[in-house]
């Protein structure tokens, strides 16, 4: 699997909050942000699948 570099500019207050969230989980800020993005992407793809299934079978 190929990887790509993504650079973000965030303000200090947001970085501090992210650092605190990451520290509670024993993670780096980078790992925490990636995990959050992956989880959000999964949730979105799952919801699309549910919507398509409901369209196919009809919403109850």
PDB file of N, CA and C in Angstrom:
ATOM      1  N   UNK A   1       0.843  -1.164   0.000  1.00  0.00           N
ATOM      2  CA  UNK A   1       0.000   0.000   0.000  1.00  0.00           C
ATOM      3  C   UNK A   1       0.897   1.239   0.000  1.00  0.00           C
ATOM      4  N   UNK A   2       0.634   2.146  -0.909  1.00  0.00           N
ATOM      5  CA  UNK A   2       1.416   3.373  -1.004  1.00  0.00           C
ATOM      6  C   UNK A   2       0.967   4.355   0.065  1.00  0.00           C
ATOM      7  N   UNK A   3       1.861   5.206   0.453  1.00  0.00           N
ATOM      8  CA  UNK A   3       1.497   6.238   1.428  1.00  0.00           C
ATOM      9  C   UNK A   3       1.816   7.599   0.838  1.00  0.00           C
ATOM     10  N   UNK A   4       1.150   8.597   1.365  1.00  0.00           N
ATOM     11  CA  UNK A   4       1.311   9.972   0.924  1.00  0.00           C
ATOM     12  C   UNK A   4       1.482  10.852   2.145  1.00  0.00           C
ATOM     13  N   UNK A   5       2.261  11.888   2.010  1.00  0.00           N
ATOM     14  CA  UNK A   5       2.472  12.829   3.104  1.00  0.00           C
ATOM     15  C   UNK A   5       1.419  13.921   3.018  1.00  0.00           C
ATOM     16  N   UNK A   6       0.816  14.241   4.158  1.00  0.00           N
ATOM     17  CA  UNK A   6      -0.165  15.316   4.257  1.00  0.00           C
ATOM     18  C   UNK A   6       0.317  16.268   5.339  1.00  0.00           C
ATOM     19  N   UNK A   7       0.463  17.509   4.983  1.00  0.00           N
ATOM     20  CA  UNK A   7       0.922  18.515   5.933  1.00  0.00           C
ATOM     21  C   UNK A   7      -0.252  19.403   6.306  1.00  0.00           C
ATOM     22  N   UNK A   8      -0.431  19.646   7.592  1.00  0.00           N
ATOM     23  CA  UNK A   8      -1.534  20.472   8.077  1.00  0.00           C
ATOM     24  C   UNK A   8      -0.998  21.647   8.877  1.00  0.00           C
ATOM     25  N   UNK A   9      -1.689  22.751   8.776  1.00  0.00           N
ATOM     26  CA  UNK A   9      -1.376  23.893   9.630  1.00  0.00           C
ATOM     27  C   UNK A   9      -2.564  24.065  10.559  1.00  0.00           C
ATOM     28  N   UNK A  10      -2.326  23.902  11.864  1.00  0.00           N
ATOM     29  CA  UNK A  10      -3.390  24.049  12.853  1.00  0.00           C
ATOM     30  C   UNK A  10      -2.933  25.023  13.926  1.00  0.00           C
ATOM     31  N   UNK A  11      -3.900  25.648  14.579  1.00  0.00           N
ATOM     32  CA  UNK A  11      -3.520  26.613  15.607  1.00  0.00           C
ATOM     33  C   UNK A  11      -3.047  25.884  16.867  1.00  0.00           C
ATOM     34  N   UNK A  12      -2.383  26.614  17.719  1.00  0.00           N
ATOM     35  CA  UNK A  12      -1.785  26.037  18.918  1.00  0.00           C
ATOM     36  C   UNK A  12      -2.799  25.434  19.863  1.00  0.00           C
ATOM     37  N   UNK A  13      -3.971  26.070  19.994  1.00  0.00           N
ATOM     38  CA  UNK A  13      -4.998  25.577  20.906  1.00  0.00           C
ATOM     39  C   UNK A  13      -5.510  24.204  20.464  1.00  0.00           C
ATOM     40  N   UNK A  14      -5.768  24.057  19.162  1.00  0.00           N
ATOM     41  CA  UNK A  14      -6.214  22.765  18.650  1.00  0.00           C
ATOM     42  C   UNK A  14      -5.129  21.715  18.828  1.00  0.00           C
ATOM     43  N   UNK A  15      -3.891  22.076  18.557  1.00  0.00           N
ATOM     44  CA  UNK A  15      -2.784  21.121  18.722  1.00  0.00           C
ATOM     45  C   UNK A  15      -2.689  20.662  20.167  1.00  0.00           C
ATOM     46  N   UNK A  16      -2.844  21.592  21.108  1.00  0.00           N
ATOM     47  CA  UNK A  16      -2.797  21.223  22.526  1.00  0.00           C
ATOM     48  C   UNK A  16      -3.907  20.234  22.877  1.00  0.00           C
ATOM     49  N   UNK A  17      -5.109  20.482  22.374  1.00  0.00           N
ATOM     50  CA  UNK A  17      -6.222  19.551  22.649  1.00  0.00           C
ATOM     51  C   UNK A  17      -5.951  18.185  22.026  1.00  0.00           C
ATOM     52  N   UNK A  18      -5.457  18.184  20.796  1.00  0.00           N
ATOM     53  CA  UNK A  18      -5.132  16.912  20.147  1.00  0.00           C
ATOM     54  C   UNK A  18      -4.042  16.170  20.914  1.00  0.00           C
ATOM     55  N   UNK A  19      -3.045  16.912  21.372  1.00  0.00           N
ATOM     56  CA  UNK A  19      -1.950  16.303  22.146  1.00  0.00           C
ATOM     57  C   UNK A  19      -2.475  15.675  23.427  1.00  0.00           C
ATOM     58  N   UNK A  20      -3.416  16.352  24.095  1.00  0.00           N
ATOM     59  CA  UNK A  20      -4.003  15.813  25.322  1.00  0.00           C
ATOM     60  C   UNK A  20      -4.804  14.543  25.045  1.00  0.00           C
ATOM     61  N   UNK A  21      -5.620  14.573  23.992  1.00  0.00           N
ATOM     62  CA  UNK A  21      -6.391  13.379  23.626  1.00  0.00           C
ATOM     63  C   UNK A  21      -5.453  12.219  23.302  1.00  0.00           C
ATOM     64  N   UNK A  22      -4.417  12.512  22.534  1.00  0.00           N
ATOM     65  CA  UNK A  22      -3.460  11.468  22.141  1.00  0.00           C
ATOM     66  C   UNK A  22      -2.728  10.922  23.364  1.00  0.00           C
ATOM     67  N   UNK A  23      -2.320  11.799  24.267  1.00  0.00           N
ATOM     68  CA  UNK A  23      -1.573  11.372  25.451  1.00  0.00           C
ATOM     69  C   UNK A  23      -2.416  10.441  26.325  1.00  0.00           C
ATOM     70  N   UNK A  24      -3.711  10.728  26.441  1.00  0.00           N
ATOM     71  CA  UNK A  24      -4.589   9.857  27.237  1.00  0.00           C
ATOM     72  C   UNK A  24      -4.613   8.444  26.681  1.00  0.00           C
ATOM     73  N   UNK A  25      -4.386   8.319  25.386  1.00  0.00           N
ATOM     74  CA  UNK A  25      -4.410   7.005  24.747  1.00  0.00           C
ATOM     75  C   UNK A  25      -3.008   6.448  24.515  1.00  0.00           C
ATOM     76  N   UNK A  26      -1.998   7.168  24.983  1.00  0.00           N
ATOM     77  CA  UNK A  26      -0.626   6.714  24.823  1.00  0.00           C
ATOM     78  C   UNK A  26      -0.157   6.752  23.379  1.00  0.00           C
ATOM     79  N   UNK A  27      -0.641   7.743  22.624  1.00  0.00           N
ATOM     80  CA  UNK A  27      -0.339   7.834  21.203  1.00  0.00           C
ATOM     81  C   UNK A  27       0.342   9.159  20.895  1.00  0.00           C
ATOM     82  N   UNK A  28       0.959   9.215  19.723  1.00  0.00           N
ATOM     83  CA  UNK A  28       1.459  10.491  19.224  1.00  0.00           C
ATOM     84  C   UNK A  28       0.282  11.251  18.611  1.00  0.00           C
ATOM     85  N   UNK A  29       0.441  12.557  18.445  1.00  0.00           N
ATOM     86  CA  UNK A  29      -0.607  13.354  17.807  1.00  0.00           C
ATOM     87  C   UNK A  29      -0.855  12.832  16.396  1.00  0.00           C
ATOM     88  N   UNK A  30       0.207  12.521  15.678  1.00  0.00           N
ATOM     89  CA  UNK A  30       0.065  12.010  14.315  1.00  0.00           C
ATOM     90  C   UNK A  30      -0.761  10.729  14.293  1.00  0.00           C
ATOM     91  N   UNK A  31      -0.433   9.778  15.164  1.00  0.00           N
ATOM     92  CA  UNK A  31      -1.179   8.516  15.200  1.00  0.00           C
ATOM     93  C   UNK A  31      -2.635   8.752  15.599  1.00  0.00           C
ATOM     94  N   UNK A  32      -2.864   9.658  16.540  1.00  0.00           N
ATOM     95  CA  UNK A  32      -4.226   9.959  16.981  1.00  0.00           C
ATOM     96  C   UNK A  32      -5.054  10.543  15.834  1.00  0.00           C
ATOM     97  N   UNK A  33      -4.476  11.487  15.095  1.00  0.00           N
ATOM     98  CA  UNK A  33      -5.195  12.114  13.984  1.00  0.00           C
ATOM     99  C   UNK A  33      -5.483  11.080  12.898  1.00  0.00           C
ATOM    100  N   UNK A  34      -4.519  10.255  12.561  1.00  0.00           N
ATOM    101  CA  UNK A  34      -4.723   9.227  11.538  1.00  0.00           C
ATOM    102  C   UNK A  34      -5.815   8.255  11.971  1.00  0.00           C
ATOM    103  N   UNK A  35      -5.771   7.821  13.223  1.00  0.00           N
ATOM    104  CA  UNK A  35      -6.781   6.892  13.732  1.00  0.00           C
ATOM    105  C   UNK A  35      -8.174   7.515  13.658  1.00  0.00           C
ATOM    106  N   UNK A  36      -8.265   8.790  14.003  1.00  0.00           N
ATOM    107  CA  UNK A  36      -9.549   9.489  13.957  1.00  0.00           C
ATOM    108  C   UNK A  36     -10.059   9.597  12.525  1.00  0.00           C
ATOM    109  N   UNK A  37      -9.186   9.921  11.595  1.00  0.00           N
ATOM    110  CA  UNK A  37      -9.587  10.020  10.188  1.00  0.00           C
ATOM    111  C   UNK A  37     -10.019   8.669   9.633  1.00  0.00           C
ATOM    112  N   UNK A  38      -9.298   7.619   9.974  1.00  0.00           N
ATOM    113  CA  UNK A  38      -9.645   6.275   9.501  1.00  0.00           C
ATOM    114  C   UNK A  38     -11.002   5.869  10.060  1.00  0.00           C
ATOM    115  N   UNK A  39     -11.228   6.130  11.338  1.00  0.00           N
ATOM    116  CA  UNK A  39     -12.513   5.784  11.950  1.00  0.00           C
ATOM    117  C   UNK A  39     -13.655   6.560  11.289  1.00  0.00           C
ATOM    118  N   UNK A  40     -13.451   7.851  11.036  1.00  0.00           N
ATOM    119  CA  UNK A  40     -14.474   8.673  10.401  1.00  0.00           C
ATOM    120  C   UNK A  40     -14.757   8.180   8.981  1.00  0.00           C
ATOM    121  N   UNK A  41     -13.707   7.814   8.261  1.00  0.00           N
ATOM    122  CA  UNK A  41     -13.876   7.292   6.900  1.00  0.00           C
ATOM    123  C   UNK A  41     -14.665   5.989   6.924  1.00  0.00           C
ATOM    124  N   UNK A  42     -14.339   5.106   7.883  1.00  0.00           N
ATOM    125  CA  UNK A  42     -15.080   3.846   7.997  1.00  0.00           C
ATOM    126  C   UNK A  42     -16.548   4.116   8.286  1.00  0.00           C
ATOM    127  N   UNK A  43     -16.817   5.018   9.243  1.00  0.00           N
ATOM    128  CA  UNK A  43     -18.204   5.340   9.596  1.00  0.00           C
ATOM    129  C   UNK A  43     -18.977   5.846   8.381  1.00  0.00           C
ATOM    130  N   UNK A  44     -18.334   6.687   7.590  1.00  0.00           N
ATOM    131  CA  UNK A  44     -18.991   7.234   6.401  1.00  0.00           C
ATOM    132  C   UNK A  44     -19.269   6.137   5.368  1.00  0.00           C
ATOM    133  N   UNK A  45     -18.287   5.287   5.117  1.00  0.00           N
ATOM    134  CA  UNK A  45     -18.481   4.200   4.155  1.00  0.00           C
ATOM    135  C   UNK A  45     -19.542   3.217   4.639  1.00  0.00           C
ATOM    136  N   UNK A  46     -19.558   2.943   5.945  1.00  0.00           N
ATOM    137  CA  UNK A  46     -20.553   2.042   6.511  1.00  0.00           C
ATOM    138  C   UNK A  46     -21.955   2.623   6.343  1.00  0.00           C
ATOM    139  N   UNK A  47     -22.106   3.922   6.604  1.00  0.00           N
ATOM    140  CA  UNK A  47     -23.410   4.560   6.454  1.00  0.00           C
ATOM    141  C   UNK A  47     -23.884   4.512   5.007  1.00  0.00           C
ATOM    142  N   UNK A  48     -22.994   4.710   4.061  1.00  0.00           N
ATOM    143  CA  UNK A  48     -23.353   4.611   2.642  1.00  0.00           C
ATOM    144  C   UNK A  48     -23.840   3.196   2.335  1.00  0.00           C
ATOM    145  N   UNK A  49     -23.157   2.189   2.873  1.00  0.00           N
ATOM    146  CA  UNK A  49     -23.569   0.803   2.641  1.00  0.00           C
ATOM    147  C   UNK A  49     -24.953   0.543   3.238  1.00  0.00           C
ATOM    148  N   UNK A  50     -25.205   1.057   4.432  1.00  0.00           N
ATOM    149  CA  UNK A  50     -26.517   0.898   5.061  1.00  0.00           C
ATOM    150  C   UNK A  50     -27.589   1.575   4.214  1.00  0.00           C
ATOM    151  N   UNK A  51     -27.309   2.791   3.761  1.00  0.00           N
ATOM    152  CA  UNK A  51     -28.273   3.512   2.922  1.00  0.00           C
ATOM    153  C   UNK A  51     -28.574   2.744   1.630  1.00  0.00           C
ATOM    154  N   UNK A  52     -27.544   2.210   1.006  1.00  0.00           N
ATOM    155  CA  UNK A  52     -27.747   1.451  -0.236  1.00  0.00           C
ATOM    156  C   UNK A  52     -28.553   0.187   0.033  1.00  0.00           C
ATOM    157  N   UNK A  53     -28.291  -0.480   1.145  1.00  0.00           N
ATOM    158  CA  UNK A  53     -29.043  -1.687   1.503  1.00  0.00           C
ATOM    159  C   UNK A  53     -30.509  -1.353   1.739  1.00  0.00           C
ATOM    160  N   UNK A  54     -30.748  -0.237   2.433  1.00  0.00           N
ATOM    161  CA  UNK A  54     -32.134   0.172   2.677  1.00  0.00           C
ATOM    162  C   UNK A  54     -32.849   0.510   1.368  1.00  0.00           C
ATOM    163  N   UNK A  55     -32.128   1.130   0.444  1.00  0.00           N
ATOM    164  CA  UNK A  55     -32.728   1.422  -0.864  1.00  0.00           C
ATOM    165  C   UNK A  55     -33.080   0.137  -1.607  1.00  0.00           C
ATOM    166  N   UNK A  56     -32.186  -0.847  -1.514  1.00  0.00           N
ATOM    167  CA  UNK A  56     -32.377  -2.108  -2.221  1.00  0.00           C
ATOM    168  C   UNK A  56     -33.560  -2.899  -1.634  1.00  0.00           C
ATOM    169  N   UNK A  57     -33.573  -3.011  -0.307  1.00  0.00           N
ATOM    170  CA  UNK A  57     -34.614  -3.808   0.352  1.00  0.00           C
ATOM    171  C   UNK A  57     -35.834  -2.982   0.766  1.00  0.00           C
ATOM    172  N   UNK A  58     -35.713  -1.679   0.708  1.00  0.00           N
ATOM    173  CA  UNK A  58     -36.803  -0.814   1.148  1.00  0.00           C
ATOM    174  C   UNK A  58     -36.685  -0.528   2.634  1.00  0.00           C
ATOM    175  N   UNK A  59     -36.781   0.726   3.001  1.00  0.00           N
ATOM    176  CA  UNK A  59     -36.669   1.113   4.407  1.00  0.00           C
ATOM    177  C   UNK A  59     -37.869   0.585   5.172  1.00  0.00           C
ATOM    178  N   UNK A  60     -37.611   0.159   6.379  1.00  0.00           N
ATOM    179  CA  UNK A  60     -38.691  -0.380   7.214  1.00  0.00           C
ATOM    180  C   UNK A  60     -39.208   0.658   8.151  1.00  0.00           C
TER     181      UNK A  60
END
